């Protein structure tokens, strides 16, 4: 059984027991969060596709940790003009573990 959820402008495949790194949520570690925007629910050969969301379906997940990704270097350079700019960026994320998928 799996579901496709939408959060933070992105879509994720959620299965019970699976860990997902999603856009940062304002929830402390250990809290249970619920995702209401479920786009698709599949149970074996039965597939229910939402228009745009599946009515009454929810995905419950537990917040495992709040962290930041590895540093990404942003380097801008123009040849022959002595122009160089170097920046680093670390994106915040929330890691959640999917506990269960609730259907209608």
N, C-alpha and C. Protein backbone atom coordinates (compact mmCIF):
# COMPACT_ATOMS: atom_id res chain seq x y z
N UNK A 1 0.84 -1.17 0.00
CA UNK A 1 0.00 0.00 0.00
C UNK A 1 0.89 1.24 0.00
N UNK A 2 0.56 2.21 -0.86
CA UNK A 2 1.30 3.46 -0.87
C UNK A 2 0.37 4.60 -1.28
N UNK A 3 0.85 5.82 -1.05
CA UNK A 3 0.08 7.01 -1.40
C UNK A 3 1.04 8.06 -1.93
N UNK A 4 0.52 8.95 -2.75
CA UNK A 4 1.30 10.09 -3.22
C UNK A 4 0.75 11.32 -2.51
N UNK A 5 1.64 12.01 -1.77
CA UNK A 5 1.23 13.20 -1.03
C UNK A 5 1.92 14.43 -1.61
N UNK A 6 1.32 15.58 -1.35
CA UNK A 6 1.89 16.84 -1.80
C UNK A 6 2.13 17.71 -0.59
N UNK A 7 3.38 18.16 -0.41
CA UNK A 7 3.72 19.07 0.67
C UNK A 7 4.93 19.90 0.25
N UNK A 8 4.90 21.17 0.59
CA UNK A 8 6.02 22.05 0.24
C UNK A 8 6.18 22.24 -1.25
N UNK A 9 5.11 22.08 -2.03
CA UNK A 9 5.20 22.26 -3.47
C UNK A 9 5.78 21.06 -4.21
N UNK A 10 6.02 19.97 -3.50
CA UNK A 10 6.59 18.78 -4.13
C UNK A 10 5.72 17.57 -3.82
N UNK A 11 5.89 16.52 -4.59
CA UNK A 11 5.12 15.29 -4.40
C UNK A 11 6.05 14.17 -3.96
N UNK A 12 5.56 13.35 -3.04
CA UNK A 12 6.35 12.25 -2.48
C UNK A 12 5.52 10.98 -2.46
N UNK A 13 6.19 9.83 -2.66
CA UNK A 13 5.54 8.53 -2.52
C UNK A 13 5.73 8.10 -1.07
N UNK A 14 4.62 7.88 -0.38
CA UNK A 14 4.65 7.53 1.04
C UNK A 14 4.17 6.10 1.23
N UNK A 15 4.98 5.31 1.92
CA UNK A 15 4.62 3.94 2.28
C UNK A 15 4.84 3.80 3.79
N UNK A 16 4.04 3.01 4.48
CA UNK A 16 4.25 2.83 5.92
C UNK A 16 5.66 2.32 6.22
N UNK A 17 6.33 3.00 7.16
CA UNK A 17 7.70 2.63 7.53
C UNK A 17 8.78 3.35 6.74
N UNK A 18 8.40 4.07 5.70
CA UNK A 18 9.38 4.76 4.86
C UNK A 18 9.71 6.13 5.44
N UNK A 19 10.99 6.53 5.37
CA UNK A 19 11.41 7.84 5.84
C UNK A 19 11.52 8.78 4.64
N UNK A 20 11.01 10.00 4.81
CA UNK A 20 11.03 11.01 3.76
C UNK A 20 11.71 12.27 4.25
N UNK A 21 12.51 12.88 3.39
CA UNK A 21 13.08 14.20 3.68
C UNK A 21 12.24 15.20 2.90
N UNK A 22 11.48 16.02 3.64
CA UNK A 22 10.56 16.97 3.02
C UNK A 22 10.96 18.39 3.40
N UNK A 23 10.31 19.36 2.77
CA UNK A 23 10.54 20.76 3.10
C UNK A 23 10.23 20.98 4.58
N UNK A 24 10.90 21.96 5.17
CA UNK A 24 10.81 22.19 6.62
C UNK A 24 9.37 22.43 7.09
N UNK A 25 9.00 21.70 8.16
CA UNK A 25 7.72 21.88 8.83
C UNK A 25 7.98 22.46 10.22
N UNK A 26 7.07 23.30 10.69
CA UNK A 26 7.18 23.85 12.03
C UNK A 26 6.56 22.87 13.03
N UNK A 27 7.27 21.78 13.28
CA UNK A 27 6.81 20.76 14.23
C UNK A 27 8.03 20.21 14.96
N UNK A 28 7.94 20.05 16.28
CA UNK A 28 9.08 19.52 17.03
C UNK A 28 9.28 18.02 16.76
N UNK A 29 10.47 17.55 17.07
CA UNK A 29 10.78 16.13 16.89
C UNK A 29 9.88 15.28 17.79
N UNK A 30 9.38 14.17 17.25
CA UNK A 30 8.52 13.27 18.00
C UNK A 30 7.04 13.53 17.80
N UNK A 31 6.68 14.68 17.23
CA UNK A 31 5.26 15.00 17.02
C UNK A 31 4.73 14.25 15.80
N UNK A 32 3.45 13.91 15.84
CA UNK A 32 2.79 13.25 14.71
C UNK A 32 2.12 14.33 13.85
N UNK A 33 2.44 14.33 12.56
CA UNK A 33 1.84 15.28 11.63
C UNK A 33 0.96 14.52 10.66
N UNK A 34 -0.03 15.23 10.10
CA UNK A 34 -0.97 14.61 9.17
C UNK A 34 -0.95 15.38 7.86
N UNK A 35 -0.86 14.66 6.76
CA UNK A 35 -0.87 15.27 5.43
C UNK A 35 -2.24 15.01 4.80
N UNK A 36 -2.97 16.08 4.51
CA UNK A 36 -4.32 15.96 3.96
C UNK A 36 -4.34 15.96 2.44
N UNK A 37 -3.31 16.51 1.82
CA UNK A 37 -3.28 16.57 0.36
C UNK A 37 -2.75 15.25 -0.20
N UNK A 38 -3.62 14.26 -0.28
CA UNK A 38 -3.27 12.94 -0.82
C UNK A 38 -3.79 12.88 -2.25
N UNK A 39 -2.88 12.74 -3.21
CA UNK A 39 -3.23 12.78 -4.62
C UNK A 39 -3.62 11.41 -5.17
N UNK A 40 -3.09 10.33 -4.56
CA UNK A 40 -3.34 8.98 -5.06
C UNK A 40 -3.18 7.99 -3.92
N UNK A 41 -4.03 6.99 -3.89
CA UNK A 41 -3.91 5.91 -2.90
C UNK A 41 -3.97 4.60 -3.66
N UNK A 42 -2.99 3.72 -3.41
CA UNK A 42 -2.94 2.42 -4.07
C UNK A 42 -2.91 1.33 -3.02
N UNK A 43 -3.84 0.40 -3.15
CA UNK A 43 -3.90 -0.74 -2.24
C UNK A 43 -3.96 -1.98 -3.12
N UNK A 44 -2.78 -2.57 -3.33
CA UNK A 44 -2.71 -3.73 -4.23
C UNK A 44 -3.00 -3.30 -5.66
N UNK A 45 -4.04 -3.91 -6.25
CA UNK A 45 -4.40 -3.56 -7.62
C UNK A 45 -5.43 -2.43 -7.67
N UNK A 46 -5.99 -2.07 -6.52
CA UNK A 46 -6.96 -0.98 -6.47
C UNK A 46 -6.22 0.35 -6.37
N UNK A 47 -6.50 1.24 -7.32
CA UNK A 47 -5.88 2.55 -7.32
C UNK A 47 -6.97 3.60 -7.34
N UNK A 48 -6.89 4.53 -6.40
CA UNK A 48 -7.85 5.62 -6.33
C UNK A 48 -7.10 6.92 -6.59
N UNK A 49 -7.49 7.61 -7.66
CA UNK A 49 -6.84 8.85 -8.05
C UNK A 49 -7.77 10.00 -7.71
N UNK A 50 -7.22 11.02 -7.06
CA UNK A 50 -8.02 12.16 -6.64
C UNK A 50 -8.20 13.18 -7.75
N UNK A 51 -9.21 14.03 -7.58
CA UNK A 51 -9.46 15.09 -8.55
C UNK A 51 -9.61 16.42 -7.83
N UNK A 52 -8.64 17.12 -7.37
CA UNK A 52 -7.22 16.80 -7.38
C UNK A 52 -6.75 15.97 -6.18
N UNK A 53 -7.55 15.91 -5.09
CA UNK A 53 -7.14 15.11 -3.93
C UNK A 53 -8.17 14.03 -3.66
N UNK A 54 -7.73 12.96 -3.00
CA UNK A 54 -8.63 11.87 -2.61
C UNK A 54 -9.37 12.31 -1.36
N UNK A 55 -10.70 12.30 -1.43
CA UNK A 55 -11.52 12.75 -0.30
C UNK A 55 -11.39 11.79 0.88
N UNK A 56 -11.13 12.35 2.06
CA UNK A 56 -11.08 11.57 3.29
C UNK A 56 -9.78 10.82 3.53
N UNK A 57 -8.84 10.87 2.62
CA UNK A 57 -7.57 10.15 2.79
C UNK A 57 -6.57 11.05 3.51
N UNK A 58 -5.79 10.44 4.40
CA UNK A 58 -4.75 11.16 5.13
C UNK A 58 -3.54 10.25 5.28
N UNK A 59 -2.39 10.88 5.43
CA UNK A 59 -1.17 10.14 5.72
C UNK A 59 -0.63 10.69 7.03
N UNK A 60 -0.43 9.79 8.01
CA UNK A 60 0.10 10.21 9.30
C UNK A 60 1.56 9.83 9.38
N UNK A 61 2.38 10.78 9.83
CA UNK A 61 3.82 10.55 9.93
C UNK A 61 4.36 11.16 11.21
N UNK A 62 5.46 10.60 11.68
CA UNK A 62 6.11 11.08 12.90
C UNK A 62 7.37 11.83 12.51
N UNK A 63 7.59 13.01 13.09
CA UNK A 63 8.78 13.81 12.80
C UNK A 63 9.97 13.14 13.48
N UNK A 64 10.96 12.75 12.67
CA UNK A 64 12.14 12.08 13.20
C UNK A 64 13.19 13.11 13.58
N UNK A 65 13.47 14.08 12.68
CA UNK A 65 14.45 15.11 13.01
C UNK A 65 14.28 16.34 12.13
N UNK A 66 14.79 17.45 12.64
CA UNK A 66 14.87 18.71 11.91
C UNK A 66 16.36 18.93 11.66
N UNK A 67 16.75 19.17 10.40
CA UNK A 67 18.17 19.31 10.11
C UNK A 67 18.38 20.17 8.87
N UNK A 68 19.62 20.23 8.44
CA UNK A 68 19.96 20.96 7.21
C UNK A 68 20.78 20.04 6.31
N UNK A 69 20.64 20.24 5.00
CA UNK A 69 21.34 19.39 4.03
C UNK A 69 22.82 19.75 3.98
N UNK A 70 23.56 19.05 3.17
CA UNK A 70 24.97 19.35 2.95
C UNK A 70 25.10 20.69 2.25
N UNK A 71 26.23 21.34 2.44
CA UNK A 71 26.43 22.67 1.87
C UNK A 71 26.56 22.59 0.35
N UNK A 72 25.88 23.52 -0.32
CA UNK A 72 25.97 23.68 -1.77
C UNK A 72 26.73 24.97 -2.02
N UNK A 73 27.78 24.91 -2.84
CA UNK A 73 28.57 26.09 -3.15
C UNK A 73 27.99 26.76 -4.39
N UNK A 74 27.74 28.07 -4.28
CA UNK A 74 27.25 28.86 -5.40
C UNK A 74 28.39 29.79 -5.78
N UNK A 75 28.95 29.63 -6.96
CA UNK A 75 30.12 30.42 -7.38
C UNK A 75 29.83 31.10 -8.70
N UNK A 76 29.89 32.43 -8.69
CA UNK A 76 29.67 33.21 -9.92
C UNK A 76 31.01 33.78 -10.34
N UNK A 77 31.27 33.76 -11.66
CA UNK A 77 32.58 34.15 -12.17
C UNK A 77 32.43 34.76 -13.54
N UNK A 78 33.03 35.91 -13.74
CA UNK A 78 33.11 36.51 -15.07
C UNK A 78 34.57 36.57 -15.47
N UNK A 79 34.90 36.01 -16.60
CA UNK A 79 36.28 35.97 -17.06
C UNK A 79 36.76 37.38 -17.42
N UNK A 80 38.02 37.63 -17.20
CA UNK A 80 38.72 38.86 -17.60
C UNK A 80 38.25 40.12 -16.90
N UNK A 81 37.40 40.04 -15.90
CA UNK A 81 36.94 41.25 -15.21
C UNK A 81 37.19 41.20 -13.70
N UNK A 82 37.89 40.21 -13.23
CA UNK A 82 38.19 40.03 -11.81
C UNK A 82 36.93 39.95 -10.96
N UNK A 83 35.86 39.37 -11.52
CA UNK A 83 34.60 39.25 -10.80
C UNK A 83 34.43 37.83 -10.31
N UNK A 84 34.39 37.67 -8.99
CA UNK A 84 34.18 36.36 -8.38
C UNK A 84 33.31 36.53 -7.15
N UNK A 85 32.29 35.70 -7.02
CA UNK A 85 31.47 35.69 -5.82
C UNK A 85 31.24 34.25 -5.40
N UNK A 86 31.49 33.97 -4.14
CA UNK A 86 31.32 32.62 -3.63
C UNK A 86 30.36 32.67 -2.45
N UNK A 87 29.33 31.82 -2.51
CA UNK A 87 28.34 31.72 -1.43
C UNK A 87 28.14 30.26 -1.11
N UNK A 88 27.71 29.99 0.10
CA UNK A 88 27.34 28.65 0.49
C UNK A 88 25.89 28.66 0.95
N UNK A 89 25.19 27.55 0.77
CA UNK A 89 23.79 27.46 1.19
C UNK A 89 23.51 26.08 1.73
N UNK A 90 22.79 26.03 2.87
CA UNK A 90 22.33 24.77 3.45
C UNK A 90 20.83 24.87 3.65
N UNK A 91 20.08 24.03 2.94
CA UNK A 91 18.63 24.06 3.00
C UNK A 91 18.12 23.30 4.22
N UNK A 92 17.15 23.87 4.92
CA UNK A 92 16.52 23.20 6.05
C UNK A 92 15.56 22.13 5.54
N UNK A 93 15.45 21.02 6.28
CA UNK A 93 14.50 19.98 5.92
C UNK A 93 13.99 19.30 7.18
N UNK A 94 12.89 18.58 7.02
CA UNK A 94 12.32 17.79 8.10
C UNK A 94 12.28 16.34 7.63
N UNK A 95 12.79 15.44 8.45
CA UNK A 95 12.72 14.02 8.12
C UNK A 95 11.56 13.41 8.89
N UNK A 96 10.64 12.78 8.15
CA UNK A 96 9.47 12.15 8.77
C UNK A 96 9.44 10.67 8.43
N UNK A 97 8.86 9.89 9.33
CA UNK A 97 8.65 8.46 9.08
C UNK A 97 7.16 8.22 8.98
N UNK A 98 6.73 7.68 7.85
CA UNK A 98 5.32 7.44 7.60
C UNK A 98 4.84 6.30 8.50
N UNK A 99 3.80 6.57 9.29
CA UNK A 99 3.27 5.55 10.19
C UNK A 99 2.11 4.79 9.55
N UNK A 100 1.13 5.52 9.02
CA UNK A 100 0.00 4.82 8.41
C UNK A 100 -0.70 5.71 7.39
N UNK A 101 -1.40 5.04 6.48
CA UNK A 101 -2.20 5.71 5.47
C UNK A 101 -3.66 5.44 5.82
N UNK A 102 -4.41 6.50 6.05
CA UNK A 102 -5.82 6.38 6.45
C UNK A 102 -6.69 6.66 5.24
N UNK A 103 -7.50 5.68 4.88
CA UNK A 103 -8.45 5.87 3.78
C UNK A 103 -9.78 6.34 4.35
N UNK A 104 -10.73 6.54 3.50
CA UNK A 104 -12.05 7.04 3.88
C UNK A 104 -12.59 6.48 5.16
